[in-house]
Amino acid sequence: MTQLKSRLMMALVLLFSGLMTTAPVNAQQASDAEIKQMIQEQFERMYQKGVKDLKERIVVTGGVKPFAVVTDTADKSKTIRIKQIEEMPASVALEVLRRSLVALVKKGKIGATAVFYTTANPNEESDAEQVLVVEMEHIFGPTLAQLVPYTVMEGQARFGEQVVVDMESRIFNLKAPDEVSE
C-alpha cells in the first residue's frame, strides 16, 4: 500500500503541473502555485482517509460500495457513507452518492470530493479481477480519476499499476441559472 501512496503522489504532481488552469483570482489572493499545492494536499488527505477506510472492506468482501471523502469549506476532511447504499445495486448506489454530493455542493458545504468504489476490471488481458476507482474533483476545476487494479488473494489485496486520467466533472459541473429577463 505504501508503494501505491507514493505512486499517487507522483501522479498528482505530474498531473497538476499541467492540469490547473488559471482561476480568476486577484493579486491579493493565493498564487497559482499555492492553489495547486492546496488542492494537491486536499486530494492526498482525502485519498489517505478513503484508503484507510476501505482497506479491510476490500479484503473481507472483495469490493466496497460507493462512499466519498470530502473536504468541507473549513478544510476538514470527512467520510460520507449513505446507509441505504449498502442495500442498492452498485450502479444505483454510485448515482445516489453523486447526487447527494451535488446537493451538498449546491448548499456550499464542500469544496473537494473523492468518490471511492470498486468495479469489475474491464481489461480482459489483466490478471486483476477488480479495479478500485477514486474520482477526485475540486471546486477550482481540477478533476482526475485514479484506477488501480487489484485481486484479493490469501486474505490480502494485491494492487497493480495505477493509472491516473483526466475526467469530466460530475460533482462540480453546476450550470449557472439562466438570467431572468425583465
N, C-alpha and C. Protein backbone atom coordinates (compact mmCIF):
# COMPACT_ATOMS: atom_id res chain seq x y z
N MET A 1 0.83 -1.19 0.00
CA MET A 1 0.00 0.00 0.00
C MET A 1 0.88 1.25 0.00
N THR A 2 2.06 1.20 0.63
CA THR A 2 2.95 2.36 0.65
C THR A 2 3.40 2.71 -0.77
N GLN A 3 3.67 1.68 -1.57
CA GLN A 3 4.05 1.91 -2.96
C GLN A 3 2.91 2.59 -3.71
N LEU A 4 1.69 2.20 -3.42
CA LEU A 4 0.52 2.81 -4.03
C LEU A 4 0.43 4.28 -3.66
N LYS A 5 0.70 4.62 -2.42
CA LYS A 5 0.65 6.02 -1.97
C LYS A 5 1.71 6.85 -2.69
N SER A 6 2.92 6.34 -2.79
CA SER A 6 3.98 7.12 -3.44
C SER A 6 3.71 7.30 -4.92
N ARG A 7 3.11 6.28 -5.56
CA ARG A 7 2.75 6.42 -6.97
C ARG A 7 1.67 7.48 -7.15
N LEU A 8 0.70 7.52 -6.23
CA LEU A 8 -0.35 8.54 -6.31
C LEU A 8 0.25 9.93 -6.21
N MET A 9 1.15 10.13 -5.26
CA MET A 9 1.76 11.45 -5.09
C MET A 9 2.50 11.87 -6.36
N MET A 10 3.26 10.95 -6.94
CA MET A 10 4.00 11.26 -8.16
C MET A 10 3.02 11.60 -9.29
N ALA A 11 1.96 10.84 -9.42
CA ALA A 11 0.96 11.09 -10.46
C ALA A 11 0.28 12.43 -10.25
N LEU A 12 -0.04 12.76 -9.00
CA LEU A 12 -0.68 14.04 -8.72
C LEU A 12 0.23 15.21 -9.08
N VAL A 13 1.51 15.09 -8.74
CA VAL A 13 2.46 16.16 -9.07
C VAL A 13 2.53 16.35 -10.58
N LEU A 14 2.65 15.25 -11.32
CA LEU A 14 2.72 15.36 -12.78
C LEU A 14 1.43 15.90 -13.37
N LEU A 15 0.32 15.43 -12.85
CA LEU A 15 -0.97 15.88 -13.37
C LEU A 15 -1.19 17.36 -13.11
N PHE A 16 -0.89 17.81 -11.90
CA PHE A 16 -1.13 19.21 -11.56
C PHE A 16 -0.14 20.15 -12.21
N SER A 17 0.99 19.65 -12.66
CA SER A 17 1.93 20.54 -13.33
C SER A 17 1.34 21.07 -14.63
N GLY A 18 0.41 20.32 -15.25
CA GLY A 18 -0.19 20.78 -16.49
C GLY A 18 -1.69 20.94 -16.44
N LEU A 19 -2.34 20.48 -15.40
CA LEU A 19 -3.80 20.46 -15.35
C LEU A 19 -4.43 21.77 -14.94
N MET A 20 -3.90 22.41 -13.95
CA MET A 20 -4.56 23.57 -13.34
C MET A 20 -4.59 24.74 -14.30
N THR A 21 -5.77 25.19 -14.60
CA THR A 21 -5.91 26.40 -15.40
C THR A 21 -5.98 27.58 -14.46
N THR A 22 -5.71 28.72 -14.98
CA THR A 22 -5.70 29.90 -14.13
C THR A 22 -7.10 30.23 -13.67
N ALA A 23 -7.29 30.20 -12.37
CA ALA A 23 -8.59 30.54 -11.78
C ALA A 23 -8.67 32.05 -11.68
N PRO A 24 -9.88 32.61 -11.75
CA PRO A 24 -9.99 34.06 -11.63
C PRO A 24 -9.68 34.50 -10.20
N VAL A 25 -8.46 34.95 -9.99
CA VAL A 25 -8.05 35.42 -8.67
C VAL A 25 -7.43 36.80 -8.82
N ASN A 26 -7.53 37.60 -7.79
CA ASN A 26 -6.89 38.89 -7.86
C ASN A 26 -5.53 38.82 -7.17
N ALA A 27 -4.77 39.89 -7.21
CA ALA A 27 -3.40 39.90 -6.68
C ALA A 27 -3.35 39.63 -5.18
N GLN A 28 -4.42 39.90 -4.46
CA GLN A 28 -4.42 39.69 -3.03
C GLN A 28 -4.69 38.23 -2.65
N GLN A 29 -5.18 37.44 -3.59
CA GLN A 29 -5.47 36.05 -3.30
C GLN A 29 -4.24 35.18 -3.55
N ALA A 30 -4.38 33.91 -3.25
CA ALA A 30 -3.26 32.98 -3.37
C ALA A 30 -2.76 32.87 -4.81
N SER A 31 -1.48 32.61 -4.95
CA SER A 31 -0.89 32.42 -6.27
C SER A 31 -1.33 31.06 -6.83
N ASP A 32 -1.15 30.88 -8.14
CA ASP A 32 -1.50 29.60 -8.76
C ASP A 32 -0.74 28.45 -8.10
N ALA A 33 0.51 28.65 -7.79
CA ALA A 33 1.32 27.60 -7.15
C ALA A 33 0.75 27.23 -5.78
N GLU A 34 0.33 28.24 -5.03
CA GLU A 34 -0.25 27.97 -3.71
C GLU A 34 -1.59 27.24 -3.83
N ILE A 35 -2.37 27.60 -4.83
CA ILE A 35 -3.66 26.94 -5.06
C ILE A 35 -3.41 25.48 -5.45
N LYS A 36 -2.48 25.24 -6.37
CA LYS A 36 -2.15 23.88 -6.78
C LYS A 36 -1.70 23.05 -5.58
N GLN A 37 -0.86 23.64 -4.74
CA GLN A 37 -0.37 22.94 -3.54
C GLN A 37 -1.53 22.61 -2.60
N MET A 38 -2.44 23.55 -2.39
CA MET A 38 -3.58 23.33 -1.51
C MET A 38 -4.45 22.20 -2.06
N ILE A 39 -4.73 22.22 -3.37
CA ILE A 39 -5.56 21.19 -3.99
C ILE A 39 -4.89 19.83 -3.86
N GLN A 40 -3.60 19.78 -4.14
CA GLN A 40 -2.86 18.52 -4.04
C GLN A 40 -2.91 17.97 -2.62
N GLU A 41 -2.74 18.83 -1.62
CA GLU A 41 -2.79 18.40 -0.23
C GLU A 41 -4.19 17.90 0.15
N GLN A 42 -5.23 18.59 -0.32
CA GLN A 42 -6.58 18.15 -0.04
C GLN A 42 -6.86 16.80 -0.69
N PHE A 43 -6.47 16.63 -1.95
CA PHE A 43 -6.66 15.35 -2.63
C PHE A 43 -5.92 14.24 -1.89
N GLU A 44 -4.70 14.50 -1.47
CA GLU A 44 -3.91 13.49 -0.77
C GLU A 44 -4.56 13.11 0.57
N ARG A 45 -5.05 14.10 1.33
CA ARG A 45 -5.72 13.80 2.61
C ARG A 45 -6.97 12.96 2.39
N MET A 46 -7.76 13.34 1.40
CA MET A 46 -8.98 12.59 1.13
C MET A 46 -8.65 11.17 0.68
N TYR A 47 -7.65 11.02 -0.16
CA TYR A 47 -7.24 9.71 -0.64
C TYR A 47 -6.78 8.82 0.52
N GLN A 48 -5.91 9.37 1.37
CA GLN A 48 -5.40 8.59 2.51
C GLN A 48 -6.53 8.15 3.44
N LYS A 49 -7.44 9.06 3.71
CA LYS A 49 -8.58 8.75 4.59
C LYS A 49 -9.44 7.66 3.96
N GLY A 50 -9.71 7.75 2.68
CA GLY A 50 -10.53 6.76 1.98
C GLY A 50 -9.87 5.40 1.91
N VAL A 51 -8.58 5.36 1.60
CA VAL A 51 -7.85 4.08 1.51
C VAL A 51 -7.83 3.40 2.88
N LYS A 52 -7.62 4.18 3.92
CA LYS A 52 -7.63 3.63 5.28
C LYS A 52 -8.99 3.01 5.58
N ASP A 53 -10.05 3.67 5.12
CA ASP A 53 -11.41 3.22 5.38
C ASP A 53 -11.78 1.96 4.59
N LEU A 54 -11.23 1.79 3.39
CA LEU A 54 -11.65 0.68 2.55
C LEU A 54 -10.74 -0.53 2.59
N LYS A 55 -9.55 -0.39 3.10
CA LYS A 55 -8.55 -1.45 3.05
C LYS A 55 -9.08 -2.78 3.56
N GLU A 56 -9.66 -2.81 4.75
CA GLU A 56 -10.17 -4.06 5.30
C GLU A 56 -11.43 -4.53 4.59
N ARG A 57 -12.26 -3.59 4.16
CA ARG A 57 -13.50 -3.97 3.46
C ARG A 57 -13.21 -4.72 2.17
N ILE A 58 -12.19 -4.28 1.45
CA ILE A 58 -11.83 -4.96 0.20
C ILE A 58 -11.44 -6.40 0.48
N VAL A 59 -10.67 -6.63 1.52
CA VAL A 59 -10.21 -7.98 1.84
C VAL A 59 -11.39 -8.86 2.27
N VAL A 60 -12.29 -8.32 3.07
CA VAL A 60 -13.40 -9.10 3.61
C VAL A 60 -14.45 -9.40 2.54
N THR A 61 -14.83 -8.39 1.75
CA THR A 61 -15.93 -8.56 0.81
C THR A 61 -15.50 -8.63 -0.65
N GLY A 62 -14.25 -8.33 -0.94
CA GLY A 62 -13.77 -8.32 -2.32
C GLY A 62 -14.00 -7.00 -3.03
N GLY A 63 -14.74 -6.09 -2.42
CA GLY A 63 -15.00 -4.78 -3.00
C GLY A 63 -15.64 -3.88 -1.98
N VAL A 64 -16.01 -2.69 -2.39
CA VAL A 64 -16.69 -1.76 -1.48
C VAL A 64 -17.83 -1.08 -2.24
N LYS A 65 -18.89 -0.80 -1.50
CA LYS A 65 -19.97 0.01 -2.06
C LYS A 65 -19.46 1.45 -2.12
N PRO A 66 -19.99 2.26 -3.02
CA PRO A 66 -19.51 3.64 -3.15
C PRO A 66 -19.64 4.44 -1.86
N PHE A 67 -18.59 5.21 -1.59
CA PHE A 67 -18.59 6.17 -0.49
C PHE A 67 -17.71 7.33 -0.92
N ALA A 68 -17.74 8.40 -0.17
CA ALA A 68 -16.94 9.57 -0.53
C ALA A 68 -16.20 10.09 0.68
N VAL A 69 -15.10 10.74 0.41
CA VAL A 69 -14.41 11.55 1.40
C VAL A 69 -14.44 12.95 0.82
N VAL A 70 -14.87 13.90 1.62
CA VAL A 70 -14.99 15.28 1.15
C VAL A 70 -14.17 16.20 2.03
N THR A 71 -13.81 17.34 1.46
CA THR A 71 -13.20 18.41 2.23
C THR A 71 -14.22 19.53 2.26
N ASP A 72 -14.60 19.94 3.47
CA ASP A 72 -15.61 20.98 3.58
C ASP A 72 -14.98 22.36 3.43
N THR A 73 -15.77 23.38 3.53
CA THR A 73 -15.29 24.74 3.33
C THR A 73 -14.37 25.21 4.45
N ALA A 74 -14.30 24.47 5.55
CA ALA A 74 -13.38 24.78 6.64
C ALA A 74 -12.10 23.94 6.54
N ASP A 75 -11.89 23.26 5.38
CA ASP A 75 -10.72 22.44 5.10
C ASP A 75 -10.62 21.22 6.02
N LYS A 76 -11.75 20.69 6.42
CA LYS A 76 -11.80 19.47 7.22
C LYS A 76 -12.28 18.33 6.32
N SER A 77 -11.60 17.19 6.40
CA SER A 77 -12.00 16.03 5.62
C SER A 77 -12.91 15.13 6.45
N LYS A 78 -13.94 14.61 5.78
CA LYS A 78 -14.82 13.66 6.47
C LYS A 78 -15.36 12.65 5.46
N THR A 79 -15.69 11.47 5.98
CA THR A 79 -16.21 10.40 5.15
C THR A 79 -17.73 10.51 5.07
N ILE A 80 -18.25 10.33 3.86
CA ILE A 80 -19.69 10.35 3.62
C ILE A 80 -20.10 8.93 3.19
N ARG A 81 -20.90 8.29 4.03
CA ARG A 81 -21.48 6.98 3.71
C ARG A 81 -22.99 7.12 3.85
N ILE A 82 -23.69 6.58 2.91
CA ILE A 82 -25.15 6.60 2.97
C ILE A 82 -25.60 5.17 3.29
N LYS A 83 -26.23 5.02 4.44
CA LYS A 83 -26.59 3.70 4.94
C LYS A 83 -27.39 2.88 3.91
N GLN A 84 -28.33 3.51 3.25
CA GLN A 84 -29.19 2.80 2.30
C GLN A 84 -28.42 2.28 1.08
N ILE A 85 -27.26 2.86 0.80
CA ILE A 85 -26.46 2.44 -0.35
C ILE A 85 -26.04 0.97 -0.23
N GLU A 86 -25.81 0.51 0.98
CA GLU A 86 -25.37 -0.86 1.18
C GLU A 86 -26.36 -1.87 0.61
N GLU A 87 -27.64 -1.50 0.51
CA GLU A 87 -28.68 -2.41 0.02
C GLU A 87 -28.95 -2.25 -1.48
N MET A 88 -28.33 -1.26 -2.12
CA MET A 88 -28.61 -0.96 -3.53
C MET A 88 -27.61 -1.65 -4.45
N PRO A 89 -28.01 -1.89 -5.71
CA PRO A 89 -27.03 -2.32 -6.70
C PRO A 89 -25.95 -1.23 -6.84
N ALA A 90 -24.73 -1.63 -7.14
CA ALA A 90 -23.59 -0.70 -7.17
C ALA A 90 -23.81 0.50 -8.08
N SER A 91 -24.37 0.30 -9.27
CA SER A 91 -24.55 1.42 -10.20
C SER A 91 -25.56 2.44 -9.67
N VAL A 92 -26.62 1.95 -9.03
CA VAL A 92 -27.61 2.84 -8.44
C VAL A 92 -27.01 3.57 -7.25
N ALA A 93 -26.26 2.84 -6.44
CA ALA A 93 -25.62 3.42 -5.26
C ALA A 93 -24.66 4.55 -5.65
N LEU A 94 -23.91 4.36 -6.72
CA LEU A 94 -22.97 5.38 -7.18
C LEU A 94 -23.72 6.64 -7.62
N GLU A 95 -24.82 6.48 -8.32
CA GLU A 95 -25.60 7.64 -8.77
C GLU A 95 -26.23 8.36 -7.58
N VAL A 96 -26.74 7.63 -6.60
CA VAL A 96 -27.31 8.25 -5.40
C VAL A 96 -26.24 9.04 -4.65
N LEU A 97 -25.06 8.46 -4.52
CA LEU A 97 -23.96 9.16 -3.84
C LEU A 97 -23.59 10.44 -4.58
N ARG A 98 -23.43 10.36 -5.88
CA ARG A 98 -23.08 11.56 -6.67
C ARG A 98 -24.13 12.65 -6.53
N ARG A 99 -25.40 12.29 -6.61
CA ARG A 99 -26.46 13.28 -6.47
C ARG A 99 -26.48 13.90 -5.07
N SER A 100 -26.18 13.10 -4.07
CA SER A 100 -26.10 13.63 -2.71
C SER A 100 -24.96 14.62 -2.57
N LEU A 101 -23.83 14.32 -3.21
CA LEU A 101 -22.69 15.24 -3.17
C LEU A 101 -23.00 16.54 -3.91
N VAL A 102 -23.69 16.44 -5.05
CA VAL A 102 -24.09 17.64 -5.79
C VAL A 102 -24.97 18.52 -4.90
N ALA A 103 -25.88 17.91 -4.16
CA ALA A 103 -26.75 18.68 -3.25
C ALA A 103 -25.92 19.40 -2.20
N LEU A 104 -24.88 18.75 -1.67
CA LEU A 104 -24.01 19.40 -0.69
C LEU A 104 -23.23 20.55 -1.32
N VAL A 105 -22.78 20.36 -2.55
CA VAL A 105 -22.07 21.42 -3.26
C VAL A 105 -22.99 22.62 -3.45
N LYS A 106 -24.22 22.38 -3.86
CA LYS A 106 -25.18 23.47 -4.07
C LYS A 106 -25.46 24.24 -2.79
N LYS A 107 -25.36 23.58 -1.66
CA LYS A 107 -25.55 24.24 -0.37
C LYS A 107 -24.29 24.95 0.10
N GLY A 108 -23.19 24.81 -0.65
CA GLY A 108 -21.94 25.46 -0.28
C GLY A 108 -21.21 24.76 0.86
N LYS A 109 -21.47 23.48 1.04
CA LYS A 109 -20.90 22.74 2.17
C LYS A 109 -19.53 22.11 1.89
N ILE A 110 -19.23 21.80 0.62
CA ILE A 110 -17.97 21.12 0.32
C ILE A 110 -17.24 21.78 -0.85
N GLY A 111 -15.92 21.62 -0.83
CA GLY A 111 -15.08 22.21 -1.87
C GLY A 111 -14.27 21.19 -2.65
N ALA A 112 -14.23 19.94 -2.17
CA ALA A 112 -13.49 18.90 -2.87
C ALA A 112 -14.11 17.54 -2.52
N THR A 113 -14.09 16.63 -3.49
CA THR A 113 -14.65 15.29 -3.27
C THR A 113 -13.71 14.22 -3.79
N ALA A 114 -13.76 13.07 -3.15
CA ALA A 114 -13.10 11.86 -3.64
C ALA A 114 -14.12 10.74 -3.48
N VAL A 115 -14.59 10.23 -4.60
CA VAL A 115 -15.59 9.16 -4.60
C VAL A 115 -14.84 7.84 -4.83
N PHE A 116 -15.05 6.90 -3.91
CA PHE A 116 -14.38 5.60 -3.94
C PHE A 116 -15.40 4.52 -4.28
N TYR A 117 -15.05 3.64 -5.21
CA TYR A 117 -15.87 2.47 -5.49
C TYR A 117 -15.02 1.43 -6.21
N THR A 118 -15.52 0.21 -6.24
CA THR A 118 -14.84 -0.85 -6.95
C THR A 118 -15.76 -1.38 -8.05
N THR A 119 -15.14 -1.90 -9.08
CA THR A 119 -15.89 -2.43 -10.20
C THR A 119 -15.09 -3.57 -10.84
N ALA A 120 -15.74 -4.35 -11.66
CA ALA A 120 -15.04 -5.41 -12.38
C ALA A 120 -14.02 -4.78 -13.32
N ASN A 121 -12.88 -5.42 -13.47
CA ASN A 121 -11.82 -4.91 -14.33
C ASN A 121 -12.24 -5.07 -15.80
N PRO A 122 -12.36 -3.95 -16.53
CA PRO A 122 -12.76 -4.05 -17.93
C PRO A 122 -11.63 -4.55 -18.85
N ASN A 123 -10.40 -4.56 -18.35
CA ASN A 123 -9.25 -5.00 -19.14
C ASN A 123 -9.17 -6.53 -19.08
N GLU A 124 -9.61 -7.18 -20.13
CA GLU A 124 -9.65 -8.64 -20.17
C GLU A 124 -8.26 -9.27 -20.18
N GLU A 125 -7.23 -8.50 -20.53
CA GLU A 125 -5.87 -9.03 -20.59
C GLU A 125 -5.18 -8.97 -19.23
N SER A 126 -5.80 -8.34 -18.27
CA SER A 126 -5.22 -8.18 -16.94
C SER A 126 -5.52 -9.39 -16.07
N ASP A 127 -4.61 -9.68 -15.14
CA ASP A 127 -4.83 -10.74 -14.16
C ASP A 127 -5.73 -10.26 -13.03
N ALA A 128 -5.80 -8.96 -12.82
CA ALA A 128 -6.60 -8.40 -11.73
C ALA A 128 -8.09 -8.53 -12.06
N GLU A 129 -8.85 -8.95 -11.06
CA GLU A 129 -10.28 -9.15 -11.26
C GLU A 129 -11.09 -7.88 -11.07
N GLN A 130 -10.62 -7.00 -10.19
CA GLN A 130 -11.37 -5.80 -9.82
C GLN A 130 -10.51 -4.56 -10.04
N VAL A 131 -11.17 -3.40 -10.01
CA VAL A 131 -10.49 -2.11 -10.10
C VAL A 131 -11.04 -1.20 -9.01
N LEU A 132 -10.14 -0.59 -8.25
CA LEU A 132 -10.52 0.45 -7.31
C LEU A 132 -10.50 1.75 -8.10
N VAL A 133 -11.62 2.47 -8.06
CA VAL A 133 -11.72 3.74 -8.77
C VAL A 133 -11.86 4.84 -7.72
N VAL A 134 -11.05 5.89 -7.86
CA VAL A 134 -11.15 7.05 -6.99
C VAL A 134 -11.28 8.27 -7.91
N GLU A 135 -12.47 8.87 -7.89
CA GLU A 135 -12.74 10.06 -8.71
C GLU A 135 -12.60 11.28 -7.80
N MET A 136 -11.62 12.14 -8.10
CA MET A 136 -11.37 13.32 -7.28
C MET A 136 -11.71 14.58 -8.07
N GLU A 137 -12.45 15.47 -7.40
CA GLU A 137 -12.84 16.74 -8.02
C GLU A 137 -12.64 17.87 -7.04
N HIS A 138 -12.35 19.04 -7.58
CA HIS A 138 -12.16 20.23 -6.75
C HIS A 138 -12.98 21.38 -7.32
N ILE A 139 -13.47 22.21 -6.44
CA ILE A 139 -14.29 23.34 -6.85
C ILE A 139 -13.51 24.31 -7.76
N PHE A 140 -12.17 24.33 -7.66
CA PHE A 140 -11.35 25.19 -8.51
C PHE A 140 -11.12 24.61 -9.89
N GLY A 141 -11.65 23.41 -10.15
CA GLY A 141 -11.57 22.88 -11.50
C GLY A 141 -10.87 21.55 -11.69
N PRO A 142 -9.76 21.27 -11.03
CA PRO A 142 -9.08 20.01 -11.31
C PRO A 142 -9.96 18.79 -11.02
N THR A 143 -9.92 17.85 -11.93
CA THR A 143 -10.61 16.58 -11.76
C THR A 143 -9.69 15.47 -12.26
N LEU A 144 -9.73 14.34 -11.61
CA LEU A 144 -8.95 13.20 -12.05
C LEU A 144 -9.57 11.93 -11.52
N ALA A 145 -9.28 10.85 -12.19
CA ALA A 145 -9.71 9.54 -11.73
C ALA A 145 -8.48 8.67 -11.62
N GLN A 146 -8.37 7.97 -10.52
CA GLN A 146 -7.28 7.03 -10.33
C GLN A 146 -7.88 5.63 -10.40
N LEU A 147 -7.33 4.80 -11.26
CA LEU A 147 -7.79 3.43 -11.43
C LEU A 147 -6.67 2.50 -10.98
N VAL A 148 -6.99 1.61 -10.03
CA VAL A 148 -5.98 0.70 -9.51
C VAL A 148 -6.54 -0.72 -9.57
N PRO A 149 -6.00 -1.56 -10.45
CA PRO A 149 -6.45 -2.94 -10.49
C PRO A 149 -5.99 -3.69 -9.24
N TYR A 150 -6.81 -4.65 -8.79
CA TYR A 150 -6.41 -5.43 -7.62
C TYR A 150 -7.08 -6.80 -7.64
N THR A 151 -6.47 -7.69 -6.89
CA THR A 151 -7.02 -9.02 -6.67
C THR A 151 -6.85 -9.33 -5.20
N VAL A 152 -7.83 -9.96 -4.59
CA VAL A 152 -7.73 -10.39 -3.21
C VAL A 152 -7.29 -11.86 -3.21
N MET A 153 -6.12 -12.10 -2.62
CA MET A 153 -5.58 -13.46 -2.54
C MET A 153 -5.04 -13.71 -1.14
N GLU A 154 -5.38 -14.84 -0.58
CA GLU A 154 -4.86 -15.26 0.72
C GLU A 154 -5.05 -14.18 1.78
N GLY A 155 -6.21 -13.55 1.78
CA GLY A 155 -6.53 -12.57 2.80
C GLY A 155 -5.84 -11.22 2.64
N GLN A 156 -5.27 -10.96 1.47
CA GLN A 156 -4.62 -9.67 1.22
C GLN A 156 -5.02 -9.14 -0.15
N ALA A 157 -5.17 -7.83 -0.22
CA ALA A 157 -5.42 -7.20 -1.51
C ALA A 157 -4.08 -6.91 -2.16
N ARG A 158 -3.92 -7.38 -3.39
CA ARG A 158 -2.70 -7.14 -4.15
C ARG A 158 -3.05 -6.16 -5.27
N PHE A 159 -2.41 -4.98 -5.19
CA PHE A 159 -2.71 -3.89 -6.12
C PHE A 159 -1.71 -3.88 -7.27
N GLY A 160 -2.22 -3.56 -8.46
CA GLY A 160 -1.38 -3.45 -9.64
C GLY A 160 -0.99 -2.00 -9.90
N GLU A 161 -0.51 -1.76 -11.11
CA GLU A 161 -0.09 -0.42 -11.52
C GLU A 161 -1.30 0.49 -11.65
N GLN A 162 -1.22 1.64 -11.03
CA GLN A 162 -2.32 2.60 -11.12
C GLN A 162 -2.23 3.40 -12.41
N VAL A 163 -3.37 3.87 -12.82
CA VAL A 163 -3.46 4.77 -13.96
C VAL A 163 -4.24 5.98 -13.48
N VAL A 164 -3.70 7.17 -13.73
CA VAL A 164 -4.38 8.41 -13.37
C VAL A 164 -4.77 9.11 -14.66
N VAL A 165 -6.05 9.41 -14.78
CA VAL A 165 -6.55 10.03 -16.00
C VAL A 165 -7.37 11.27 -15.67
N ASP A 166 -7.43 12.16 -16.61
CA ASP A 166 -8.29 13.34 -16.51
C ASP A 166 -9.72 12.86 -16.73
N MET A 167 -10.68 13.51 -16.13
CA MET A 167 -12.08 13.12 -16.31
C MET A 167 -12.95 14.37 -16.31
N GLU A 168 -14.16 14.21 -16.78
CA GLU A 168 -15.12 15.31 -16.73
C GLU A 168 -15.68 15.44 -15.33
N SER A 169 -15.95 16.65 -14.94
CA SER A 169 -16.53 16.89 -13.63
C SER A 169 -17.94 16.33 -13.56
N ARG A 170 -18.23 15.63 -12.47
CA ARG A 170 -19.57 15.08 -12.26
C ARG A 170 -20.24 15.71 -11.05
N ILE A 171 -19.44 16.23 -10.14
CA ILE A 171 -19.98 16.80 -8.90
C ILE A 171 -20.03 18.32 -8.99
N PHE A 172 -18.99 18.95 -9.51
CA PHE A 172 -18.89 20.41 -9.55
C PHE A 172 -19.23 20.98 -10.93
N ASN A 173 -20.04 20.29 -11.70
CA ASN A 173 -20.40 20.78 -13.03
C ASN A 173 -21.70 21.55 -13.00
N LEU A 174 -21.86 22.37 -11.99
CA LEU A 174 -23.09 23.14 -11.82
C LEU A 174 -23.19 24.21 -12.88
N LYS A 175 -24.32 24.30 -13.50
CA LYS A 175 -24.58 25.33 -14.50
C LYS A 175 -25.21 26.53 -13.82
N ALA A 176 -24.80 27.71 -14.25
CA ALA A 176 -25.42 28.92 -13.71
C ALA A 176 -26.85 29.01 -14.22
N PRO A 177 -27.78 29.39 -13.37
CA PRO A 177 -29.17 29.50 -13.84
C PRO A 177 -29.28 30.58 -14.91
N ASP A 178 -30.18 30.35 -15.86
CA ASP A 178 -30.39 31.34 -16.93
C ASP A 178 -30.83 32.66 -16.30
N GLU A 179 -30.35 33.72 -16.88
CA GLU A 179 -30.77 35.03 -16.37
C GLU A 179 -32.26 35.24 -16.65
N VAL A 180 -32.90 35.77 -15.69
CA VAL A 180 -34.34 36.03 -15.83
C VAL A 180 -34.50 37.33 -16.60
N SER A 181 -35.27 37.27 -17.69
CA SER A 181 -35.49 38.51 -18.44
C SER A 181 -36.58 39.33 -17.79
N GLU A 182 -36.41 40.63 -17.87
CA GLU A 182 -37.38 41.53 -17.23
C GLU A 182 -38.38 42.02 -18.22
